[in-house]
Amino acid sequence: MHSAPLAGNPLAVDGADIVLVEWRAEPGGEDPPLYIAPLHLHRSDDEAWYVLEGTLAFILGEERVEVPAGGAAIALRGVPHTFWNPAPVPARYVLAMTPRIKSLIDSLHDGSGRSPEEVFAAHDSELLGWP
């Protein structure tokens, strides 16, 4: 059995197919939204969010939804998606992802100098740009 405090720290166990991390989203407004990620898709991986406090808004394919605290959203593999905090207060959420998506996020921030397009492609994903 493995456990860890999630706030800012991933719960990632070697060999597991899932990684959990709790993150905070600062207020991002609506016009235009302050997107937490560009519009993208994962070809082989699903990704899910559980909102602990506040609200998150999502583009999931053709759908645009707002998810309040206690709610969840899922982006199935192949579905273009992005998200942001539409409220004037911070939001807290748990992100459930595969190790490949966690590696993609880490690689985007590792200072390697690779382009975001290269990083997404190396992780069986596609960067679609900003909505």
N, C-alpha and C. Protein backbone atom coordinates (compact mmCIF):
# COMPACT_ATOMS: atom_id res chain seq x y z
N MET A 1 0.84 -1.18 0.00
CA MET A 1 0.00 0.00 0.00
C MET A 1 0.89 1.24 0.00
N HIS A 2 0.51 2.21 -0.82
CA HIS A 2 1.27 3.45 -0.91
C HIS A 2 0.34 4.62 -0.64
N SER A 3 0.82 5.58 0.14
CA SER A 3 0.05 6.79 0.36
C SER A 3 1.01 7.96 0.51
N ALA A 4 0.48 9.14 0.22
CA ALA A 4 1.30 10.36 0.32
C ALA A 4 0.36 11.55 0.33
N PRO A 5 0.77 12.65 0.96
CA PRO A 5 -0.02 13.87 0.82
C PRO A 5 0.02 14.31 -0.64
N LEU A 6 -1.13 14.69 -1.19
CA LEU A 6 -1.19 15.00 -2.61
C LEU A 6 -0.88 16.45 -2.94
N ALA A 7 -1.09 17.38 -2.04
CA ALA A 7 -0.98 18.80 -2.36
C ALA A 7 0.36 19.11 -3.01
N GLY A 8 0.35 19.22 -4.35
CA GLY A 8 1.56 19.55 -5.10
C GLY A 8 2.51 18.40 -5.32
N ASN A 9 2.22 17.24 -4.77
CA ASN A 9 3.10 16.07 -4.91
C ASN A 9 2.34 14.93 -5.57
N PRO A 10 2.88 14.35 -6.60
CA PRO A 10 2.17 13.23 -7.24
C PRO A 10 2.26 11.97 -6.39
N LEU A 11 1.18 11.20 -6.43
CA LEU A 11 1.19 9.84 -5.91
C LEU A 11 1.40 8.97 -7.14
N ALA A 12 2.64 8.54 -7.34
CA ALA A 12 3.03 7.78 -8.52
C ALA A 12 3.89 6.62 -8.05
N VAL A 13 3.41 5.42 -8.29
CA VAL A 13 4.12 4.22 -7.85
C VAL A 13 4.62 3.49 -9.09
N ASP A 14 5.89 3.10 -9.10
CA ASP A 14 6.44 2.36 -10.24
C ASP A 14 5.55 1.18 -10.58
N GLY A 15 5.21 1.06 -11.85
CA GLY A 15 4.40 -0.05 -12.32
C GLY A 15 2.91 0.22 -12.30
N ALA A 16 2.47 1.31 -11.66
CA ALA A 16 1.05 1.63 -11.62
C ALA A 16 0.63 2.28 -12.94
N ASP A 17 -0.63 2.12 -13.30
CA ASP A 17 -1.17 2.72 -14.53
C ASP A 17 -1.81 4.07 -14.28
N ILE A 18 -1.73 4.58 -13.04
CA ILE A 18 -2.38 5.85 -12.72
C ILE A 18 -1.47 6.68 -11.81
N VAL A 19 -1.53 7.98 -12.00
CA VAL A 19 -0.82 8.94 -11.17
C VAL A 19 -1.87 9.94 -10.69
N LEU A 20 -1.84 10.27 -9.41
CA LEU A 20 -2.74 11.28 -8.84
C LEU A 20 -1.92 12.45 -8.35
N VAL A 21 -2.42 13.65 -8.57
CA VAL A 21 -1.78 14.83 -8.02
C VAL A 21 -2.85 15.88 -7.73
N GLU A 22 -2.70 16.58 -6.62
CA GLU A 22 -3.60 17.69 -6.29
C GLU A 22 -2.91 18.98 -6.69
N TRP A 23 -3.63 19.81 -7.45
CA TRP A 23 -3.08 21.08 -7.87
C TRP A 23 -4.08 22.20 -7.58
N ARG A 24 -3.58 23.41 -7.66
CA ARG A 24 -4.38 24.61 -7.43
C ARG A 24 -4.41 25.41 -8.74
N ALA A 25 -5.56 25.93 -9.08
CA ALA A 25 -5.71 26.77 -10.27
C ALA A 25 -6.10 28.18 -9.83
N GLU A 26 -5.25 29.13 -10.17
CA GLU A 26 -5.56 30.52 -9.84
C GLU A 26 -6.72 31.00 -10.70
N PRO A 27 -7.40 32.06 -10.26
CA PRO A 27 -8.52 32.59 -11.06
C PRO A 27 -8.05 32.89 -12.48
N GLY A 28 -8.90 32.55 -13.45
CA GLY A 28 -8.50 32.70 -14.83
C GLY A 28 -9.48 33.43 -15.70
N GLY A 29 -10.65 33.78 -15.16
CA GLY A 29 -11.61 34.57 -15.90
C GLY A 29 -12.18 33.89 -17.11
N GLU A 30 -12.91 34.67 -17.86
CA GLU A 30 -13.64 34.14 -19.01
C GLU A 30 -13.31 34.85 -20.32
N ASP A 31 -12.74 36.05 -20.29
CA ASP A 31 -12.65 36.81 -21.52
C ASP A 31 -11.30 37.49 -21.70
N PRO A 32 -10.31 36.85 -22.24
CA PRO A 32 -10.31 35.41 -22.58
C PRO A 32 -9.90 34.60 -21.36
N PRO A 33 -10.21 33.31 -21.35
CA PRO A 33 -9.80 32.47 -20.22
C PRO A 33 -8.28 32.36 -20.12
N LEU A 34 -7.79 32.18 -18.92
CA LEU A 34 -6.38 31.89 -18.69
C LEU A 34 -6.26 30.36 -18.67
N TYR A 35 -6.05 29.76 -19.84
CA TYR A 35 -6.02 28.30 -19.96
C TYR A 35 -4.85 27.73 -19.17
N ILE A 36 -5.09 26.63 -18.50
CA ILE A 36 -4.05 25.94 -17.75
C ILE A 36 -3.19 25.11 -18.70
N ALA A 37 -3.77 24.68 -19.79
CA ALA A 37 -3.05 23.92 -20.83
C ALA A 37 -3.62 24.33 -22.18
N PRO A 38 -2.80 24.25 -23.23
CA PRO A 38 -3.35 24.50 -24.56
C PRO A 38 -4.31 23.37 -24.95
N LEU A 39 -5.08 23.60 -25.97
CA LEU A 39 -5.95 22.56 -26.49
C LEU A 39 -5.06 21.44 -27.03
N HIS A 40 -5.33 20.22 -26.61
CA HIS A 40 -4.50 19.09 -27.01
C HIS A 40 -5.31 17.80 -26.90
N LEU A 41 -4.74 16.72 -27.36
CA LEU A 41 -5.36 15.40 -27.18
C LEU A 41 -4.28 14.38 -26.91
N HIS A 42 -4.68 13.31 -26.26
CA HIS A 42 -3.81 12.17 -26.00
C HIS A 42 -4.37 11.00 -26.83
N ARG A 43 -3.55 10.42 -27.66
CA ARG A 43 -4.03 9.35 -28.54
C ARG A 43 -4.34 8.05 -27.80
N SER A 44 -3.61 7.78 -26.71
CA SER A 44 -3.75 6.47 -26.04
C SER A 44 -4.11 6.55 -24.57
N ASP A 45 -4.32 7.76 -24.04
CA ASP A 45 -4.51 7.90 -22.60
C ASP A 45 -5.74 8.72 -22.25
N ASP A 46 -6.45 8.30 -21.21
CA ASP A 46 -7.55 9.07 -20.64
C ASP A 46 -7.00 9.92 -19.50
N GLU A 47 -7.73 11.00 -19.18
CA GLU A 47 -7.31 11.93 -18.13
C GLU A 47 -8.58 12.40 -17.42
N ALA A 48 -8.54 12.54 -16.08
CA ALA A 48 -9.73 12.94 -15.34
C ALA A 48 -9.38 13.94 -14.25
N TRP A 49 -10.35 14.79 -13.92
CA TRP A 49 -10.20 15.82 -12.89
C TRP A 49 -11.34 15.67 -11.89
N TYR A 50 -11.02 15.81 -10.60
CA TYR A 50 -12.03 15.87 -9.54
C TYR A 50 -11.83 17.21 -8.84
N VAL A 51 -12.86 18.05 -8.83
CA VAL A 51 -12.76 19.39 -8.28
C VAL A 51 -13.03 19.34 -6.77
N LEU A 52 -12.05 19.77 -5.99
CA LEU A 52 -12.17 19.79 -4.53
C LEU A 52 -12.79 21.09 -4.03
N GLU A 53 -12.34 22.20 -4.57
CA GLU A 53 -12.84 23.53 -4.19
C GLU A 53 -12.91 24.40 -5.43
N GLY A 54 -13.89 25.28 -5.47
CA GLY A 54 -14.01 26.20 -6.59
C GLY A 54 -14.68 25.55 -7.79
N THR A 55 -14.30 26.01 -8.97
CA THR A 55 -14.89 25.55 -10.23
C THR A 55 -13.80 25.46 -11.29
N LEU A 56 -13.89 24.46 -12.14
CA LEU A 56 -13.06 24.39 -13.34
C LEU A 56 -13.99 24.36 -14.55
N ALA A 57 -13.55 24.98 -15.63
CA ALA A 57 -14.28 24.94 -16.89
C ALA A 57 -13.44 24.13 -17.88
N PHE A 58 -14.12 23.42 -18.76
CA PHE A 58 -13.46 22.53 -19.70
C PHE A 58 -14.01 22.69 -21.10
N ILE A 59 -13.13 22.53 -22.06
CA ILE A 59 -13.54 22.21 -23.42
C ILE A 59 -13.18 20.73 -23.58
N LEU A 60 -14.19 19.93 -23.89
CA LEU A 60 -14.03 18.49 -24.09
C LEU A 60 -14.65 18.16 -25.44
N GLY A 61 -13.83 18.12 -26.47
CA GLY A 61 -14.36 17.95 -27.82
C GLY A 61 -15.17 19.16 -28.20
N GLU A 62 -16.43 18.96 -28.57
CA GLU A 62 -17.33 20.05 -28.96
C GLU A 62 -18.07 20.63 -27.76
N GLU A 63 -17.90 20.01 -26.59
CA GLU A 63 -18.64 20.40 -25.39
C GLU A 63 -17.84 21.38 -24.54
N ARG A 64 -18.53 22.34 -23.95
CA ARG A 64 -17.93 23.28 -23.00
C ARG A 64 -18.73 23.15 -21.71
N VAL A 65 -18.05 22.79 -20.61
CA VAL A 65 -18.75 22.52 -19.35
C VAL A 65 -18.03 23.19 -18.18
N GLU A 66 -18.79 23.54 -17.15
CA GLU A 66 -18.23 24.01 -15.89
C GLU A 66 -18.51 22.95 -14.83
N VAL A 67 -17.49 22.65 -14.03
CA VAL A 67 -17.59 21.61 -13.01
C VAL A 67 -17.32 22.24 -11.65
N PRO A 68 -18.34 22.26 -10.76
CA PRO A 68 -18.14 22.82 -9.43
C PRO A 68 -17.51 21.80 -8.48
N ALA A 69 -17.15 22.27 -7.28
CA ALA A 69 -16.59 21.38 -6.26
C ALA A 69 -17.49 20.17 -6.07
N GLY A 70 -16.86 19.01 -5.97
CA GLY A 70 -17.59 17.76 -5.83
C GLY A 70 -17.90 17.09 -7.16
N GLY A 71 -17.59 17.77 -8.25
CA GLY A 71 -17.84 17.22 -9.58
C GLY A 71 -16.56 16.77 -10.24
N ALA A 72 -16.71 16.09 -11.35
CA ALA A 72 -15.56 15.54 -12.06
C ALA A 72 -15.76 15.65 -13.57
N ALA A 73 -14.67 15.60 -14.29
CA ALA A 73 -14.69 15.59 -15.75
C ALA A 73 -13.65 14.59 -16.24
N ILE A 74 -13.90 14.03 -17.40
CA ILE A 74 -12.94 13.09 -18.00
C ILE A 74 -12.76 13.42 -19.47
N ALA A 75 -11.52 13.37 -19.92
CA ALA A 75 -11.19 13.51 -21.34
C ALA A 75 -10.73 12.14 -21.81
N LEU A 76 -11.56 11.50 -22.59
CA LEU A 76 -11.19 10.20 -23.13
C LEU A 76 -10.11 10.35 -24.19
N ARG A 77 -9.33 9.32 -24.38
CA ARG A 77 -8.28 9.36 -25.41
C ARG A 77 -8.88 9.79 -26.74
N GLY A 78 -8.13 10.64 -27.43
CA GLY A 78 -8.56 11.12 -28.74
C GLY A 78 -9.45 12.36 -28.71
N VAL A 79 -9.90 12.78 -27.52
CA VAL A 79 -10.80 13.94 -27.41
C VAL A 79 -9.99 15.20 -27.13
N PRO A 80 -10.06 16.21 -28.00
CA PRO A 80 -9.37 17.47 -27.74
C PRO A 80 -9.90 18.10 -26.45
N HIS A 81 -8.99 18.63 -25.62
CA HIS A 81 -9.44 19.21 -24.36
C HIS A 81 -8.47 20.26 -23.84
N THR A 82 -9.01 21.12 -22.99
CA THR A 82 -8.26 22.10 -22.22
C THR A 82 -9.13 22.47 -21.04
N PHE A 83 -8.56 23.24 -20.08
CA PHE A 83 -9.35 23.65 -18.93
C PHE A 83 -8.79 24.92 -18.31
N TRP A 84 -9.63 25.56 -17.47
CA TRP A 84 -9.25 26.80 -16.80
C TRP A 84 -10.16 27.01 -15.60
N ASN A 85 -9.78 27.96 -14.76
CA ASN A 85 -10.59 28.35 -13.61
C ASN A 85 -11.38 29.59 -14.01
N PRO A 86 -12.72 29.49 -14.17
CA PRO A 86 -13.51 30.63 -14.60
C PRO A 86 -13.92 31.57 -13.46
N ALA A 87 -13.65 31.17 -12.24
CA ALA A 87 -14.13 31.92 -11.07
C ALA A 87 -13.11 32.94 -10.58
N PRO A 88 -13.56 33.89 -9.76
CA PRO A 88 -12.64 34.90 -9.22
C PRO A 88 -11.87 34.43 -7.99
N VAL A 89 -12.01 33.16 -7.63
CA VAL A 89 -11.30 32.58 -6.49
C VAL A 89 -10.53 31.35 -6.95
N PRO A 90 -9.47 30.98 -6.24
CA PRO A 90 -8.70 29.78 -6.63
C PRO A 90 -9.55 28.51 -6.59
N ALA A 91 -9.13 27.53 -7.34
CA ALA A 91 -9.75 26.21 -7.33
C ALA A 91 -8.69 25.18 -6.96
N ARG A 92 -9.12 24.10 -6.32
CA ARG A 92 -8.23 22.97 -6.03
C ARG A 92 -8.84 21.74 -6.69
N TYR A 93 -7.97 20.91 -7.26
CA TYR A 93 -8.47 19.73 -7.95
C TYR A 93 -7.46 18.60 -7.88
N VAL A 94 -7.96 17.39 -8.06
CA VAL A 94 -7.11 16.22 -8.19
C VAL A 94 -7.14 15.80 -9.65
N LEU A 95 -5.96 15.65 -10.22
CA LEU A 95 -5.83 15.18 -11.59
C LEU A 95 -5.42 13.72 -11.56
N ALA A 96 -6.17 12.89 -12.25
CA ALA A 96 -5.85 11.46 -12.41
C ALA A 96 -5.37 11.27 -13.84
N MET A 97 -4.14 10.79 -13.99
CA MET A 97 -3.55 10.67 -15.32
C MET A 97 -2.69 9.41 -15.38
N THR A 98 -2.27 9.10 -16.58
CA THR A 98 -1.36 7.97 -16.76
C THR A 98 0.08 8.45 -16.54
N PRO A 99 1.00 7.53 -16.30
CA PRO A 99 2.41 7.93 -16.20
C PRO A 99 2.91 8.66 -17.46
N ARG A 100 2.39 8.31 -18.63
CA ARG A 100 2.82 8.98 -19.87
C ARG A 100 2.41 10.46 -19.85
N ILE A 101 1.18 10.76 -19.37
CA ILE A 101 0.76 12.16 -19.30
C ILE A 101 1.59 12.90 -18.26
N LYS A 102 1.87 12.26 -17.13
CA LYS A 102 2.73 12.89 -16.11
C LYS A 102 4.11 13.20 -16.70
N SER A 103 4.65 12.28 -17.47
CA SER A 103 5.94 12.49 -18.11
C SER A 103 5.86 13.65 -19.11
N LEU A 104 4.76 13.75 -19.84
CA LEU A 104 4.56 14.86 -20.78
C LEU A 104 4.61 16.19 -20.02
N ILE A 105 3.85 16.29 -18.93
CA ILE A 105 3.82 17.53 -18.14
C ILE A 105 5.22 17.85 -17.61
N ASP A 106 5.90 16.86 -17.06
CA ASP A 106 7.26 17.08 -16.56
C ASP A 106 8.19 17.54 -17.67
N SER A 107 8.07 16.94 -18.85
CA SER A 107 8.94 17.27 -19.98
C SER A 107 8.69 18.68 -20.51
N LEU A 108 7.46 19.16 -20.41
CA LEU A 108 7.16 20.52 -20.84
C LEU A 108 7.86 21.56 -19.97
N HIS A 109 8.20 21.17 -18.73
CA HIS A 109 8.76 22.11 -17.77
C HIS A 109 10.21 21.79 -17.39
N ASP A 110 10.88 20.90 -18.14
CA ASP A 110 12.22 20.46 -17.73
C ASP A 110 13.36 21.33 -18.27
N GLY A 111 13.04 22.35 -19.07
CA GLY A 111 14.07 23.25 -19.56
C GLY A 111 14.94 22.66 -20.66
N SER A 112 14.49 21.58 -21.31
CA SER A 112 15.30 20.91 -22.32
C SER A 112 15.43 21.71 -23.62
N GLY A 113 14.52 22.66 -23.82
CA GLY A 113 14.56 23.44 -25.05
C GLY A 113 13.78 22.82 -26.20
N ARG A 114 13.23 21.61 -25.98
CA ARG A 114 12.40 21.01 -27.03
C ARG A 114 11.13 21.82 -27.20
N SER A 115 10.61 21.87 -28.41
CA SER A 115 9.37 22.60 -28.65
C SER A 115 8.20 21.84 -28.02
N PRO A 116 7.15 22.57 -27.64
CA PRO A 116 5.97 21.88 -27.11
C PRO A 116 5.42 20.83 -28.08
N GLU A 117 5.47 21.12 -29.38
CA GLU A 117 4.99 20.15 -30.37
C GLU A 117 5.78 18.85 -30.29
N GLU A 118 7.11 18.97 -30.16
CA GLU A 118 7.97 17.78 -30.04
C GLU A 118 7.64 16.99 -28.77
N VAL A 119 7.44 17.71 -27.67
CA VAL A 119 7.15 17.03 -26.40
C VAL A 119 5.83 16.28 -26.48
N PHE A 120 4.80 16.93 -27.01
CA PHE A 120 3.50 16.25 -27.13
C PHE A 120 3.64 15.03 -28.03
N ALA A 121 4.29 15.17 -29.18
CA ALA A 121 4.45 14.04 -30.11
C ALA A 121 5.21 12.88 -29.47
N ALA A 122 6.22 13.19 -28.67
CA ALA A 122 7.01 12.14 -28.00
C ALA A 122 6.20 11.38 -26.96
N HIS A 123 5.05 11.92 -26.57
CA HIS A 123 4.21 11.28 -25.55
C HIS A 123 2.87 10.84 -26.13
N ASP A 124 2.85 10.50 -27.42
CA ASP A 124 1.66 10.00 -28.10
C ASP A 124 0.48 10.94 -27.93
N SER A 125 0.77 12.23 -28.02
CA SER A 125 -0.25 13.27 -27.87
C SER A 125 -0.06 14.29 -28.97
N GLU A 126 -1.03 15.21 -29.12
CA GLU A 126 -0.94 16.22 -30.15
C GLU A 126 -1.33 17.58 -29.59
N LEU A 127 -0.48 18.56 -29.80
CA LEU A 127 -0.75 19.94 -29.41
C LEU A 127 -1.58 20.57 -30.52
N LEU A 128 -2.76 21.09 -30.18
CA LEU A 128 -3.67 21.66 -31.17
C LEU A 128 -3.67 23.19 -31.16
N GLY A 129 -3.04 23.81 -30.16
CA GLY A 129 -2.96 25.26 -30.08
C GLY A 129 -3.90 25.84 -29.04
N TRP A 130 -4.04 27.14 -29.06
CA TRP A 130 -4.89 27.82 -28.08
C TRP A 130 -6.27 28.04 -28.68
N PRO A 131 -7.31 27.74 -27.93
CA PRO A 131 -8.68 27.92 -28.47
C PRO A 131 -8.98 29.36 -28.84
